[in-house]
């Protein structure tokens, strides 16, 4: 990675969004902890910025209420439609 941005809380990082927009990317891959909260919040920030958030489903973990992350994946698919697995990325 040429840049690392640390996110604190649910609020989007303006610096991160501006950096992605300067790179002229369209799709942003998202993974992490608490799929149904933290990852979803990142998805909304990316979507609101005009980017296409795509969740890497097998690189996310849910909260203590749903460790599988299944709820978060379903919410993601409902809001953003775009998901992918690590294997599919590696094959591309």
Protein backbone atom coordinates (compact mmCIF):
# COMPACT_ATOMS: atom_id res chain seq x y z
CA UNK A 1 0.00 0.00 0.00
CA UNK A 2 1.27 3.43 -0.85
CA UNK A 3 -1.08 5.16 1.63
CA UNK A 4 -2.71 4.02 4.86
CA UNK A 5 -5.72 5.77 6.35
CA UNK A 6 -6.89 5.01 9.87
CA UNK A 7 -10.62 5.27 10.47
CA UNK A 8 -11.91 6.11 13.95
CA UNK A 9 -15.60 5.52 14.57
CA UNK A 10 -18.29 5.44 11.92
CA UNK A 11 -17.60 8.85 10.42
CA UNK A 12 -16.07 8.74 7.01
CA UNK A 13 -12.55 9.94 6.51
CA UNK A 14 -12.70 12.91 4.16
CA UNK A 15 -9.01 12.47 3.39
CA UNK A 16 -9.59 8.85 2.32
CA UNK A 17 -12.52 9.67 0.06
CA UNK A 18 -10.64 12.59 -1.54
CA UNK A 19 -7.64 10.33 -2.18
CA UNK A 20 -9.80 7.69 -3.88
CA UNK A 21 -11.54 10.30 -6.02
CA UNK A 22 -8.15 11.73 -7.09
CA UNK A 23 -7.12 8.24 -8.21
CA UNK A 24 -10.23 8.16 -10.40
CA UNK A 25 -11.16 4.68 -9.20
CA UNK A 26 -14.71 3.47 -9.60
CA UNK A 27 -14.79 0.32 -7.47
CA UNK A 28 -13.44 0.08 -3.92
CA UNK A 29 -12.98 -3.30 -2.22
CA UNK A 30 -14.04 -3.37 1.44
CA UNK A 31 -13.23 -5.95 4.13
CA UNK A 32 -12.90 -5.89 7.88
CA UNK A 33 -14.57 -6.46 11.20
CA UNK A 34 -18.20 -5.94 12.14
CA UNK A 35 -19.64 -6.38 8.65
CA UNK A 36 -23.10 -5.15 9.65
CA UNK A 37 -21.82 -1.92 11.23
CA UNK A 38 -18.29 -0.73 10.42
CA UNK A 39 -18.06 -2.20 6.93
CA UNK A 40 -21.59 -1.06 6.12
CA UNK A 41 -20.77 2.48 7.29
CA UNK A 42 -17.73 2.50 4.98
CA UNK A 43 -19.96 1.28 2.15
CA UNK A 44 -22.39 4.17 2.63
CA UNK A 45 -19.54 6.71 2.67
CA UNK A 46 -18.09 5.30 -0.55
CA UNK A 47 -21.51 5.11 -2.20
CA UNK A 48 -22.33 8.70 -1.20
CA UNK A 49 -19.03 9.79 -2.79
CA UNK A 50 -20.10 8.23 -6.10
CA UNK A 51 -17.90 5.15 -5.81
CA UNK A 52 -18.88 1.48 -6.12
CA UNK A 53 -18.27 -0.26 -2.78
CA UNK A 54 -17.70 -4.01 -3.16
CA UNK A 55 -17.55 -6.26 -0.11
CA UNK A 56 -15.05 -9.14 0.01
CA UNK A 57 -17.42 -11.50 1.80
CA UNK A 58 -14.91 -14.06 3.04
CA UNK A 59 -12.63 -11.39 4.51
CA UNK A 60 -15.24 -9.97 6.90
CA UNK A 61 -16.44 -10.99 10.33
CA UNK A 62 -19.67 -9.99 12.02
CA UNK A 63 -20.24 -8.70 15.53
CA UNK A 64 -20.89 -10.82 18.60
CA UNK A 65 -24.53 -11.02 17.47
CA UNK A 66 -23.55 -12.69 14.18
CA UNK A 67 -19.93 -13.83 14.00
CA UNK A 68 -20.49 -15.31 10.54
CA UNK A 69 -21.06 -11.88 9.04
CA UNK A 70 -24.09 -13.23 7.18
CA UNK A 71 -26.38 -10.43 8.32
CA UNK A 72 -23.87 -7.81 7.17
CA UNK A 73 -23.44 -9.49 3.80
CA UNK A 74 -27.22 -9.57 3.29
CA UNK A 75 -27.50 -5.89 4.25
CA UNK A 76 -24.62 -5.05 1.91
CA UNK A 77 -26.24 -6.90 -0.99
CA UNK A 78 -29.53 -5.11 -0.29
CA UNK A 79 -27.95 -1.64 -0.30
CA UNK A 80 -25.02 -1.91 -2.72
CA UNK A 81 -25.48 -5.20 -4.64
CA UNK A 82 -21.75 -5.74 -5.22
CA UNK A 83 -19.93 -8.55 -3.39
CA UNK A 84 -16.99 -10.75 -4.31
CA UNK A 85 -14.84 -13.46 -2.73
CA UNK A 86 -11.09 -13.45 -2.34
CA UNK A 87 -10.86 -16.42 -4.72
CA UNK A 88 -12.69 -14.51 -7.45
CA UNK A 89 -10.31 -11.56 -7.06
CA UNK A 90 -7.27 -13.83 -7.26
CA UNK A 91 -8.58 -15.47 -10.43
CA UNK A 92 -9.13 -12.13 -12.15
